Amino acid sequence: MTEPTSATTLALVATGFSVAALFPGMDGNAVIGAFAGAALVALHARDVRAVTRGFYLAISWVMGYLAAPVVSRLAGLQESGVAAFLAAALVIAVTLQMIERIKTLDPFGWFRRGGGAP
């Protein structure tokens, strides 16, 4: 028996490619690369609920597509699909790491030390 998330993933893929077909200016390679990276993130996140994995998939997919030109330029990649895959695979991990660091940030500790080096 298949997992409930596999049917959801298939529906998201079909919807995503259908929406991409409606916009002829979209980069098909970046759409597919971003989806592959987002699917990897969603499948790898086993310790969270299915709804959260769905949000991870959607956020990674969109941000992977949007960040593909930046990653291509910074990494010197020729293919937008590879850049979108890398961006989608990294966006959730990097963002969650930044959120954890912000939670532990003590902005008033800098003032208590007198503004000098720690």
C-alpha atoms as a PDB file:
ATOM      1  CA  MET A   1       0.000   0.000   0.000  1.00  0.00           C
ATOM      2  CA  THR A   2       1.316   3.436  -0.866  1.00  0.00           C
ATOM      3  CA  GLU A   3       1.832   6.216   1.615  1.00  0.00           C
ATOM      4  CA  PRO A   4      -0.799   8.976   1.694  1.00  0.00           C
ATOM      5  CA  THR A   5       1.928  11.494   0.968  1.00  0.00           C
ATOM      6  CA  SER A   6       2.821   9.802  -2.331  1.00  0.00           C
ATOM      7  CA  ALA A   7      -0.628  10.610  -3.744  1.00  0.00           C
ATOM      8  CA  THR A   8      -0.296  14.155  -2.438  1.00  0.00           C
ATOM      9  CA  THR A   9       3.145  14.489  -3.988  1.00  0.00           C
ATOM     10  CA  LEU A  10       1.852  13.219  -7.318  1.00  0.00           C
ATOM     11  CA  ALA A  11      -0.995  15.731  -7.213  1.00  0.00           C
ATOM     12  CA  LEU A  12       1.474  18.541  -6.432  1.00  0.00           C
ATOM     13  CA  VAL A  13       3.710  17.500  -9.317  1.00  0.00           C
ATOM     14  CA  ALA A  14       0.815  17.414 -11.767  1.00  0.00           C
ATOM     15  CA  THR A  15      -0.435  20.776 -10.538  1.00  0.00           C
ATOM     16  CA  GLY A  16       3.014  22.327 -10.684  1.00  0.00           C
ATOM     17  CA  PHE A  17       3.707  21.208 -14.218  1.00  0.00           C
ATOM     18  CA  SER A  18       0.209  22.265 -15.308  1.00  0.00           C
ATOM     19  CA  VAL A  19       0.725  25.725 -13.834  1.00  0.00           C
ATOM     20  CA  ALA A  20       4.168  25.927 -15.440  1.00  0.00           C
ATOM     21  CA  ALA A  21       2.601  25.135 -18.815  1.00  0.00           C
ATOM     22  CA  LEU A  22       0.244  28.097 -18.407  1.00  0.00           C
ATOM     23  CA  PHE A  23       3.204  30.470 -18.158  1.00  0.00           C
ATOM     24  CA  PRO A  24       5.345  30.095 -21.281  1.00  0.00           C
ATOM     25  CA  GLY A  25       8.081  32.343 -19.881  1.00  0.00           C
ATOM     26  CA  MET A  26       8.924  29.917 -17.066  1.00  0.00           C
ATOM     27  CA  ASP A  27      12.191  28.015 -17.212  1.00  0.00           C
ATOM     28  CA  GLY A  28      11.206  24.350 -17.427  1.00  0.00           C
ATOM     29  CA  ASN A  29      14.640  23.113 -16.348  1.00  0.00           C
ATOM     30  CA  ALA A  30      14.496  25.247 -13.211  1.00  0.00           C
ATOM     31  CA  VAL A  31      10.949  24.054 -12.422  1.00  0.00           C
ATOM     32  CA  ILE A  32      11.992  20.408 -12.670  1.00  0.00           C
ATOM     33  CA  GLY A  33      15.281  20.950 -10.812  1.00  0.00           C
ATOM     34  CA  ALA A  34      13.554  22.853  -8.020  1.00  0.00           C
ATOM     35  CA  PHE A  35      10.940  20.125  -7.705  1.00  0.00           C
ATOM     36  CA  ALA A  36      13.611  17.427  -7.497  1.00  0.00           C
ATOM     37  CA  GLY A  37      15.422  19.312  -4.729  1.00  0.00           C
ATOM     38  CA  ALA A  38      12.153  20.031  -2.912  1.00  0.00           C
ATOM     39  CA  ALA A  39      11.093  16.387  -3.148  1.00  0.00           C
ATOM     40  CA  LEU A  40      14.432  15.339  -1.692  1.00  0.00           C
ATOM     41  CA  VAL A  41      13.906  17.699   1.250  1.00  0.00           C
ATOM     42  CA  ALA A  42      10.325  16.513   1.808  1.00  0.00           C
ATOM     43  CA  LEU A  43      11.283  12.837   1.652  1.00  0.00           C
ATOM     44  CA  HIS A  44      14.280  13.330   3.925  1.00  0.00           C
ATOM     45  CA  ALA A  45      12.255  15.115   6.658  1.00  0.00           C
ATOM     46  CA  ARG A  46      10.838  11.990   8.273  1.00  0.00           C
ATOM     47  CA  ASP A  47      10.677  13.333  11.823  1.00  0.00           C
ATOM     48  CA  VAL A  48       7.946  15.901  11.012  1.00  0.00           C
ATOM     49  CA  ARG A  49       4.254  15.514  10.183  1.00  0.00           C
ATOM     50  CA  ALA A  50       3.031  15.048   6.618  1.00  0.00           C
ATOM     51  CA  VAL A  51       1.542  18.548   6.560  1.00  0.00           C
ATOM     52  CA  THR A  52       4.891  20.045   7.505  1.00  0.00           C
ATOM     53  CA  ARG A  53       6.591  17.971   4.805  1.00  0.00           C
ATOM     54  CA  GLY A  54       4.083  19.359   2.319  1.00  0.00           C
ATOM     55  CA  PHE A  55       4.968  22.887   3.361  1.00  0.00           C
ATOM     56  CA  TYR A  56       8.667  22.045   3.089  1.00  0.00           C
ATOM     57  CA  LEU A  57       8.021  20.770  -0.438  1.00  0.00           C
ATOM     58  CA  ALA A  58       6.111  23.881  -1.499  1.00  0.00           C
ATOM     59  CA  ILE A  59       8.515  26.367   0.069  1.00  0.00           C
ATOM     60  CA  SER A  60      11.578  24.589  -1.293  1.00  0.00           C
ATOM     61  CA  TRP A  61      10.061  24.335  -4.749  1.00  0.00           C
ATOM     62  CA  VAL A  62       9.184  28.036  -4.995  1.00  0.00           C
ATOM     63  CA  MET A  63      12.398  29.307  -3.424  1.00  0.00           C
ATOM     64  CA  GLY A  64      14.520  26.873  -5.429  1.00  0.00           C
ATOM     65  CA  TYR A  65      13.019  28.218  -8.631  1.00  0.00           C
ATOM     66  CA  LEU A  66      13.431  31.837  -7.549  1.00  0.00           C
ATOM     67  CA  ALA A  67      17.006  31.371  -6.298  1.00  0.00           C
ATOM     68  CA  ALA A  68      18.231  29.436  -9.356  1.00  0.00           C
ATOM     69  CA  PRO A  69      19.649  32.489 -11.184  1.00  0.00           C
ATOM     70  CA  VAL A  70      21.555  33.603  -8.085  1.00  0.00           C
ATOM     71  CA  VAL A  71      23.000  30.124  -7.475  1.00  0.00           C
ATOM     72  CA  SER A  72      23.909  29.835 -11.171  1.00  0.00           C
ATOM     73  CA  ARG A  73      25.796  33.111 -11.025  1.00  0.00           C
ATOM     74  CA  LEU A  74      27.549  32.430  -7.710  1.00  0.00           C
ATOM     75  CA  ALA A  75      28.503  28.833  -8.448  1.00  0.00           C
ATOM     76  CA  GLY A  76      29.253  29.359 -12.128  1.00  0.00           C
ATOM     77  CA  LEU A  77      26.725  26.742 -13.227  1.00  0.00           C
ATOM     78  CA  GLN A  78      25.480  26.638 -16.809  1.00  0.00           C
ATOM     79  CA  GLU A  79      22.272  24.665 -16.204  1.00  0.00           C
ATOM     80  CA  SER A  80      19.405  26.315 -14.362  1.00  0.00           C
ATOM     81  CA  GLY A  81      18.014  22.909 -13.370  1.00  0.00           C
ATOM     82  CA  VAL A  82      21.101  22.027 -11.357  1.00  0.00           C
ATOM     83  CA  ALA A  83      21.141  25.450  -9.707  1.00  0.00           C
ATOM     84  CA  ALA A  84      17.440  25.164  -8.833  1.00  0.00           C
ATOM     85  CA  PHE A  85      18.001  21.679  -7.392  1.00  0.00           C
ATOM     86  CA  LEU A  86      20.810  22.921  -5.161  1.00  0.00           C
ATOM     87  CA  ALA A  87      18.849  25.988  -4.073  1.00  0.00           C
ATOM     88  CA  ALA A  88      15.723  23.960  -3.275  1.00  0.00           C
ATOM     89  CA  ALA A  89      17.723  21.351  -1.366  1.00  0.00           C
ATOM     90  CA  LEU A  90      19.463  23.986   0.754  1.00  0.00           C
ATOM     91  CA  VAL A  91      16.756  26.563   1.436  1.00  0.00           C
ATOM     92  CA  ILE A  92      14.936  24.714   4.242  1.00  0.00           C
ATOM     93  CA  ALA A  93      18.106  23.544   6.001  1.00  0.00           C
ATOM     94  CA  VAL A  94      19.693  26.996   5.889  1.00  0.00           C
ATOM     95  CA  THR A  95      16.519  28.787   6.946  1.00  0.00           C
ATOM     96  CA  LEU A  96      15.837  26.442   9.872  1.00  0.00           C
ATOM     97  CA  GLN A  97      19.452  26.846  11.003  1.00  0.00           C
ATOM     98  CA  MET A  98      19.114  30.641  10.861  1.00  0.00           C
ATOM     99  CA  ILE A  99      15.888  30.505  12.888  1.00  0.00           C
ATOM    100  CA  GLU A 100      17.579  28.428  15.585  1.00  0.00           C
ATOM    101  CA  ARG A 101      20.496  30.875  15.762  1.00  0.00           C
ATOM    102  CA  ILE A 102      18.140  33.844  16.015  1.00  0.00           C
ATOM    103  CA  LYS A 103      16.311  32.144  18.898  1.00  0.00           C
ATOM    104  CA  THR A 104      19.571  31.894  20.865  1.00  0.00           C
ATOM    105  CA  LEU A 105      20.729  35.403  19.976  1.00  0.00           C
ATOM    106  CA  ASP A 106      21.222  37.734  22.936  1.00  0.00           C
ATOM    107  CA  PRO A 107      21.262  41.276  21.540  1.00  0.00           C
ATOM    108  CA  PHE A 108      21.390  42.848  25.002  1.00  0.00           C
ATOM    109  CA  GLY A 109      24.461  40.837  25.975  1.00  0.00           C
ATOM    110  CA  TRP A 110      26.480  42.999  23.618  1.00  0.00           C
ATOM    111  CA  PHE A 111      25.455  46.108  25.548  1.00  0.00           C
ATOM    112  CA  ARG A 112      26.165  44.473  28.947  1.00  0.00           C
ATOM    113  CA  ARG A 113      29.739  43.751  27.841  1.00  0.00           C
ATOM    114  CA  GLY A 114      30.207  47.382  26.902  1.00  0.00           C
ATOM    115  CA  GLY A 115      30.161  46.883  23.145  1.00  0.00           C
ATOM    116  CA  GLY A 116      33.655  45.427  23.064  1.00  0.00           C
ATOM    117  CA  ALA A 117      34.833  42.089  21.844  1.00  0.00           C
ATOM    118  CA  PRO A 118      33.519  39.057  23.783  1.00  0.00           C
END
